[in-house]
């Protein structure tokens, strides 16, 4: 076998054996600097093309690559089990606010939610590695700001934050709280009344 085949085999083995997604630069470092991250990425893309349509696929999430089973086979592999990461309503709200408004401070999260956010809620999200500190806001007091992580993208099957569902997607999936829908309907009605007054 020629050298590029051996490298491709080595990269494929690394990706297959890893329990976390790998970025091309990490793979390049493990190869001892024999290849640049760009060369590794080209080989990773070739491996992904070779596996496309098969029983496993190589996918990119947040700049890192990992093997997974195709979505259309998920029903064959799903097991009934308790999800160890059941989020409280507060944690779900905080996660959604961070995902859609990042980077965001705790005070900004509280302003959007309309209630105080306990430190424990953010701790749960950071323990799950879905949220991480993103520095400090350059304002008086320099509050800590938070962002979502690549682990968040991988867990929810997103390539980037651009893939987050929009309001119409959430409504279609039945994920909007009835109170939210009632509020939205009331706001639409108020807009119609205002438009009528302006006319």
C-alpha atoms as a PDB file:
ATOM      1  CA  UNK A   1       0.000   0.000   0.000  1.00  0.00           C
ATOM      2  CA  UNK A   2       1.229   3.493  -0.693  1.00  0.00           C
ATOM      3  CA  UNK A   3       1.800   6.098   2.015  1.00  0.00           C
ATOM      4  CA  UNK A   4      -1.464   8.006   1.536  1.00  0.00           C
ATOM      5  CA  UNK A   5      -3.449   4.761   1.945  1.00  0.00           C
ATOM      6  CA  UNK A   6      -1.653   4.015   5.201  1.00  0.00           C
ATOM      7  CA  UNK A   7      -2.386   7.528   6.450  1.00  0.00           C
ATOM      8  CA  UNK A   8      -6.027   7.254   5.462  1.00  0.00           C
ATOM      9  CA  UNK A   9      -6.301   3.941   7.302  1.00  0.00           C
ATOM     10  CA  UNK A  10      -4.644   5.456  10.385  1.00  0.00           C
ATOM     11  CA  UNK A  11      -6.962   8.479  10.363  1.00  0.00           C
ATOM     12  CA  UNK A  12     -10.034   6.297   9.870  1.00  0.00           C
ATOM     13  CA  UNK A  13      -8.955   4.070  12.782  1.00  0.00           C
ATOM     14  CA  UNK A  14      -8.450   7.118  15.027  1.00  0.00           C
ATOM     15  CA  UNK A  15     -11.890   8.489  14.198  1.00  0.00           C
ATOM     16  CA  UNK A  16     -13.547   5.109  14.690  1.00  0.00           C
ATOM     17  CA  UNK A  17     -11.859   4.403  18.043  1.00  0.00           C
ATOM     18  CA  UNK A  18     -12.336   7.868  19.527  1.00  0.00           C
ATOM     19  CA  UNK A  19     -15.193   8.365  21.977  1.00  0.00           C
ATOM     20  CA  UNK A  20     -15.352  12.042  21.047  1.00  0.00           C
ATOM     21  CA  UNK A  21     -15.366  13.993  17.806  1.00  0.00           C
ATOM     22  CA  UNK A  22     -11.915  14.944  16.511  1.00  0.00           C
ATOM     23  CA  UNK A  23     -10.800  18.099  14.744  1.00  0.00           C
ATOM     24  CA  UNK A  24      -8.292  17.792  11.866  1.00  0.00           C
ATOM     25  CA  UNK A  25      -5.693  19.704  13.905  1.00  0.00           C
ATOM     26  CA  UNK A  26      -5.936  17.136  16.726  1.00  0.00           C
ATOM     27  CA  UNK A  27      -5.540  14.275  14.268  1.00  0.00           C
ATOM     28  CA  UNK A  28      -2.543  16.032  12.685  1.00  0.00           C
ATOM     29  CA  UNK A  29      -0.951  16.438  16.124  1.00  0.00           C
ATOM     30  CA  UNK A  30      -1.450  12.718  16.875  1.00  0.00           C
ATOM     31  CA  UNK A  31       0.291  11.902  13.603  1.00  0.00           C
ATOM     32  CA  UNK A  32       3.352  13.709  14.905  1.00  0.00           C
ATOM     33  CA  UNK A  33       3.199  16.636  12.509  1.00  0.00           C
ATOM     34  CA  UNK A  34       3.578  14.460   9.386  1.00  0.00           C
ATOM     35  CA  UNK A  35       0.549  16.198   7.865  1.00  0.00           C
ATOM     36  CA  UNK A  36      -1.037  19.635   8.048  1.00  0.00           C
ATOM     37  CA  UNK A  37      -4.612  20.023   9.356  1.00  0.00           C
ATOM     38  CA  UNK A  38      -5.639  20.912   5.781  1.00  0.00           C
ATOM     39  CA  UNK A  39      -4.217  17.643   4.424  1.00  0.00           C
ATOM     40  CA  UNK A  40      -5.928  15.713   7.233  1.00  0.00           C
ATOM     41  CA  UNK A  41      -9.244  17.427   6.481  1.00  0.00           C
ATOM     42  CA  UNK A  42      -9.002  16.431   2.803  1.00  0.00           C
ATOM     43  CA  UNK A  43      -8.469  12.787   3.785  1.00  0.00           C
ATOM     44  CA  UNK A  44     -11.279  12.943   6.369  1.00  0.00           C
ATOM     45  CA  UNK A  45     -13.619  14.260   3.659  1.00  0.00           C
ATOM     46  CA  UNK A  46     -12.556  11.370   1.382  1.00  0.00           C
ATOM     47  CA  UNK A  47     -13.322   8.897   4.191  1.00  0.00           C
ATOM     48  CA  UNK A  48     -16.708  10.576   4.714  1.00  0.00           C
ATOM     49  CA  UNK A  49     -17.477  10.269   0.990  1.00  0.00           C
ATOM     50  CA  UNK A  50     -16.537   6.575   1.051  1.00  0.00           C
ATOM     51  CA  UNK A  51     -18.923   5.899   3.957  1.00  0.00           C
ATOM     52  CA  UNK A  52     -21.802   8.028   2.600  1.00  0.00           C
ATOM     53  CA  UNK A  53     -24.958   5.940   2.280  1.00  0.00           C
ATOM     54  CA  UNK A  54     -23.527   3.066   4.329  1.00  0.00           C
ATOM     55  CA  UNK A  55     -24.429   1.655   7.721  1.00  0.00           C
ATOM     56  CA  UNK A  56     -22.223   4.208   9.450  1.00  0.00           C
ATOM     57  CA  UNK A  57     -21.360   7.709   8.309  1.00  0.00           C
ATOM     58  CA  UNK A  58     -18.638  10.185   9.135  1.00  0.00           C
ATOM     59  CA  UNK A  59     -20.124  13.588   9.919  1.00  0.00           C
ATOM     60  CA  UNK A  60     -18.832  17.021  10.861  1.00  0.00           C
ATOM     61  CA  UNK A  61     -20.244  18.818  13.881  1.00  0.00           C
ATOM     62  CA  UNK A  62     -18.783  22.155  14.914  1.00  0.00           C
ATOM     63  CA  UNK A  63     -15.547  21.570  12.984  1.00  0.00           C
ATOM     64  CA  UNK A  64     -14.965  18.129  14.519  1.00  0.00           C
ATOM     65  CA  UNK A  65     -15.630  14.747  12.894  1.00  0.00           C
ATOM     66  CA  UNK A  66     -17.116  11.532  14.274  1.00  0.00           C
ATOM     67  CA  UNK A  67     -18.754   8.330  13.119  1.00  0.00           C
ATOM     68  CA  UNK A  68     -22.462   7.852  13.732  1.00  0.00           C
ATOM     69  CA  UNK A  69     -25.301   5.711  12.483  1.00  0.00           C
ATOM     70  CA  UNK A  70     -27.485   7.309   9.795  1.00  0.00           C
ATOM     71  CA  UNK A  71     -30.686   8.996  11.005  1.00  0.00           C
ATOM     72  CA  UNK A  72     -32.846   6.712   8.851  1.00  0.00           C
ATOM     73  CA  UNK A  73     -31.601   3.657  10.809  1.00  0.00           C
ATOM     74  CA  UNK A  74     -32.125   5.182  14.259  1.00  0.00           C
ATOM     75  CA  UNK A  75     -35.402   3.289  14.797  1.00  0.00           C
ATOM     76  CA  UNK A  76     -33.501  -0.025  14.522  1.00  0.00           C
ATOM     77  CA  UNK A  77     -30.918   0.950  17.107  1.00  0.00           C
ATOM     78  CA  UNK A  78     -33.004   2.829  19.658  1.00  0.00           C
ATOM     79  CA  UNK A  79     -33.253   1.205  23.076  1.00  0.00           C
ATOM     80  CA  UNK A  80     -35.751   2.062  25.755  1.00  0.00           C
ATOM     81  CA  UNK A  81     -33.723   3.709  28.493  1.00  0.00           C
ATOM     82  CA  UNK A  82     -33.871   6.522  30.967  1.00  0.00           C
ATOM     83  CA  UNK A  83     -32.067   9.606  29.758  1.00  0.00           C
ATOM     84  CA  UNK A  84     -29.582  10.505  32.502  1.00  0.00           C
ATOM     85  CA  UNK A  85     -29.699  14.152  31.430  1.00  0.00           C
ATOM     86  CA  UNK A  86     -33.249  15.245  32.151  1.00  0.00           C
ATOM     87  CA  UNK A  87     -33.122  19.018  32.331  1.00  0.00           C
ATOM     88  CA  UNK A  88     -35.372  21.021  34.593  1.00  0.00           C
ATOM     89  CA  UNK A  89     -37.594  23.607  32.940  1.00  0.00           C
ATOM     90  CA  UNK A  90     -35.307  26.368  34.264  1.00  0.00           C
ATOM     91  CA  UNK A  91     -32.208  24.674  32.818  1.00  0.00           C
ATOM     92  CA  UNK A  92     -33.965  24.162  29.468  1.00  0.00           C
ATOM     93  CA  UNK A  93     -34.941  27.840  29.356  1.00  0.00           C
ATOM     94  CA  UNK A  94     -31.424  28.988  30.248  1.00  0.00           C
ATOM     95  CA  UNK A  95     -29.892  26.662  27.643  1.00  0.00           C
ATOM     96  CA  UNK A  96     -32.268  27.971  24.970  1.00  0.00           C
ATOM     97  CA  UNK A  97     -31.502  31.602  25.876  1.00  0.00           C
ATOM     98  CA  UNK A  98     -27.759  30.992  25.728  1.00  0.00           C
ATOM     99  CA  UNK A  99     -28.049  29.110  22.415  1.00  0.00           C
ATOM    100  CA  UNK A 100     -30.126  31.816  20.726  1.00  0.00           C
ATOM    101  CA  UNK A 101     -28.480  34.906  22.275  1.00  0.00           C
ATOM    102  CA  UNK A 102     -24.873  33.900  22.960  1.00  0.00           C
ATOM    103  CA  UNK A 103     -22.634  35.208  24.307  1.00  0.00           C
ATOM    104  CA  UNK A 104     -24.906  36.260  27.164  1.00  0.00           C
ATOM    105  CA  UNK A 105     -24.415  37.188  30.830  1.00  0.00           C
ATOM    106  CA  UNK A 106     -26.382  35.856  33.777  1.00  0.00           C
ATOM    107  CA  UNK A 107     -28.074  39.259  34.201  1.00  0.00           C
ATOM    108  CA  UNK A 108     -29.140  39.176  30.533  1.00  0.00           C
ATOM    109  CA  UNK A 109     -30.493  35.635  30.975  1.00  0.00           C
ATOM    110  CA  UNK A 110     -32.499  36.807  33.986  1.00  0.00           C
ATOM    111  CA  UNK A 111     -33.815  39.837  32.076  1.00  0.00           C
ATOM    112  CA  UNK A 112     -35.067  37.577  29.267  1.00  0.00           C
ATOM    113  CA  UNK A 113     -36.566  34.959  31.622  1.00  0.00           C
ATOM    114  CA  UNK A 114     -38.015  37.529  34.019  1.00  0.00           C
ATOM    115  CA  UNK A 115     -36.810  35.564  37.054  1.00  0.00           C
ATOM    116  CA  UNK A 116     -33.552  34.999  38.879  1.00  0.00           C
ATOM    117  CA  UNK A 117     -31.334  32.175  37.668  1.00  0.00           C
ATOM    118  CA  UNK A 118     -29.634  30.088  40.321  1.00  0.00           C
ATOM    119  CA  UNK A 119     -25.943  29.340  39.993  1.00  0.00           C
ATOM    120  CA  UNK A 120     -26.846  25.639  40.158  1.00  0.00           C
ATOM    121  CA  UNK A 121     -28.749  25.881  36.868  1.00  0.00           C
ATOM    122  CA  UNK A 122     -25.669  27.143  35.032  1.00  0.00           C
ATOM    123  CA  UNK A 123     -23.525  24.576  36.870  1.00  0.00           C
ATOM    124  CA  UNK A 124     -25.716  21.720  35.535  1.00  0.00           C
ATOM    125  CA  UNK A 125     -25.297  23.001  31.965  1.00  0.00           C
ATOM    126  CA  UNK A 126     -21.532  23.406  32.401  1.00  0.00           C
ATOM    127  CA  UNK A 127     -21.259  19.910  33.935  1.00  0.00           C
ATOM    128  CA  UNK A 128     -22.981  18.526  30.845  1.00  0.00           C
ATOM    129  CA  UNK A 129     -20.374  20.494  28.838  1.00  0.00           C
ATOM    130  CA  UNK A 130     -23.156  22.140  26.823  1.00  0.00           C
ATOM    131  CA  UNK A 131     -22.319  25.640  28.104  1.00  0.00           C
ATOM    132  CA  UNK A 132     -18.970  27.274  28.868  1.00  0.00           C
ATOM    133  CA  UNK A 133     -17.723  30.709  29.959  1.00  0.00           C
ATOM    134  CA  UNK A 134     -16.874  32.907  26.979  1.00  0.00           C
ATOM    135  CA  UNK A 135     -14.946  35.666  28.737  1.00  0.00           C
ATOM    136  CA  UNK A 136     -16.231  38.848  30.317  1.00  0.00           C
ATOM    137  CA  UNK A 137     -18.452  41.618  28.954  1.00  0.00           C
ATOM    138  CA  UNK A 138     -16.556  44.907  28.654  1.00  0.00           C
ATOM    139  CA  UNK A 139     -19.007  46.890  30.800  1.00  0.00           C
ATOM    140  CA  UNK A 140     -18.860  48.044  34.449  1.00  0.00           C
ATOM    141  CA  UNK A 141     -18.537  45.017  36.704  1.00  0.00           C
ATOM    142  CA  UNK A 142     -17.218  42.937  33.777  1.00  0.00           C
ATOM    143  CA  UNK A 143     -19.812  40.142  34.125  1.00  0.00           C
ATOM    144  CA  UNK A 144     -18.987  36.633  32.970  1.00  0.00           C
ATOM    145  CA  UNK A 145     -20.664  35.696  29.674  1.00  0.00           C
ATOM    146  CA  UNK A 146     -21.660  32.221  28.483  1.00  0.00           C
ATOM    147  CA  UNK A 147     -21.795  30.391  25.156  1.00  0.00           C
ATOM    148  CA  UNK A 148     -22.737  26.924  23.914  1.00  0.00           C
ATOM    149  CA  UNK A 149     -20.001  24.396  23.142  1.00  0.00           C
ATOM    150  CA  UNK A 150     -19.135  21.930  20.393  1.00  0.00           C
ATOM    151  CA  UNK A 151     -20.408  19.186  22.737  1.00  0.00           C
ATOM    152  CA  UNK A 152     -23.818  20.944  22.670  1.00  0.00           C
ATOM    153  CA  UNK A 153     -23.763  20.956  18.851  1.00  0.00           C
ATOM    154  CA  UNK A 154     -22.776  17.278  18.722  1.00  0.00           C
ATOM    155  CA  UNK A 155     -25.374  16.193  21.302  1.00  0.00           C
ATOM    156  CA  UNK A 156     -28.203  17.909  19.438  1.00  0.00           C
ATOM    157  CA  UNK A 157     -26.931  16.926  15.964  1.00  0.00           C
ATOM    158  CA  UNK A 158     -26.194  20.479  14.787  1.00  0.00           C
ATOM    159  CA  UNK A 159     -23.403  21.485  12.424  1.00  0.00           C
ATOM    160  CA  UNK A 160     -23.493  25.061  13.732  1.00  0.00           C
ATOM    161  CA  UNK A 161     -25.758  27.471  15.608  1.00  0.00           C
ATOM    162  CA  UNK A 162     -27.302  28.399  12.243  1.00  0.00           C
ATOM    163  CA  UNK A 163     -29.019  24.986  12.340  1.00  0.00           C
ATOM    164  CA  UNK A 164     -31.020  25.855  15.487  1.00  0.00           C
ATOM    165  CA  UNK A 165     -34.750  25.574  14.798  1.00  0.00           C
ATOM    166  CA  UNK A 166     -36.705  28.756  14.183  1.00  0.00           C
ATOM    167  CA  UNK A 167     -40.040  29.680  15.776  1.00  0.00           C
ATOM    168  CA  UNK A 168     -42.012  28.035  12.947  1.00  0.00           C
ATOM    169  CA  UNK A 169     -40.032  24.791  13.355  1.00  0.00           C
ATOM    170  CA  UNK A 170     -40.690  24.767  17.106  1.00  0.00           C
ATOM    171  CA  UNK A 171     -44.394  25.412  16.599  1.00  0.00           C
ATOM    172  CA  UNK A 172     -44.650  22.643  13.986  1.00  0.00           C
ATOM    173  CA  UNK A 173     -42.936  20.198  16.364  1.00  0.00           C
ATOM    174  CA  UNK A 174     -45.389  21.102  19.159  1.00  0.00           C
ATOM    175  CA  UNK A 175     -42.564  22.285  21.396  1.00  0.00           C
ATOM    176  CA  UNK A 176     -43.977  25.699  22.207  1.00  0.00           C
ATOM    177  CA  UNK A 177     -45.682  26.050  25.567  1.00  0.00           C
ATOM    178  CA  UNK A 178     -49.444  26.777  25.257  1.00  0.00           C
ATOM    179  CA  UNK A 179     -48.818  29.918  27.324  1.00  0.00           C
ATOM    180  CA  UNK A 180     -46.239  31.048  24.764  1.00  0.00           C
ATOM    181  CA  UNK A 181     -48.688  30.412  21.934  1.00  0.00           C
ATOM    182  CA  UNK A 182     -51.442  32.327  23.746  1.00  0.00           C
ATOM    183  CA  UNK A 183     -49.053  35.224  24.375  1.00  0.00           C
ATOM    184  CA  UNK A 184     -47.996  35.245  20.727  1.00  0.00           C
ATOM    185  CA  UNK A 185     -51.653  35.237  19.608  1.00  0.00           C
ATOM    186  CA  UNK A 186     -52.429  38.118  21.998  1.00  0.00           C
ATOM    187  CA  UNK A 187     -49.473  40.113  20.611  1.00  0.00           C
ATOM    188  CA  UNK A 188     -50.668  39.494  17.042  1.00  0.00           C
ATOM    189  CA  UNK A 189     -54.149  40.685  18.028  1.00  0.00           C
ATOM    190  CA  UNK A 190     -52.668  43.790  19.665  1.00  0.00           C
ATOM    191  CA  UNK A 191     -50.704  44.528  16.479  1.00  0.00           C
ATOM    192  CA  UNK A 192     -53.924  44.277  14.443  1.00  0.00           C
ATOM    193  CA  UNK A 193     -55.676  46.726  16.801  1.00  0.00           C
ATOM    194  CA  UNK A 194     -52.739  49.158  16.556  1.00  0.00           C
ATOM    195  CA  UNK A 195     -52.733  48.887  12.769  1.00  0.00           C
ATOM    196  CA  UNK A 196     -56.468  49.653  12.783  1.00  0.00           C
ATOM    197  CA  UNK A 197     -55.911  52.731  14.950  1.00  0.00           C
ATOM    198  CA  UNK A 198     -53.106  53.979  12.695  1.00  0.00           C
ATOM    199  CA  UNK A 199     -55.232  53.589   9.568  1.00  0.00           C
END
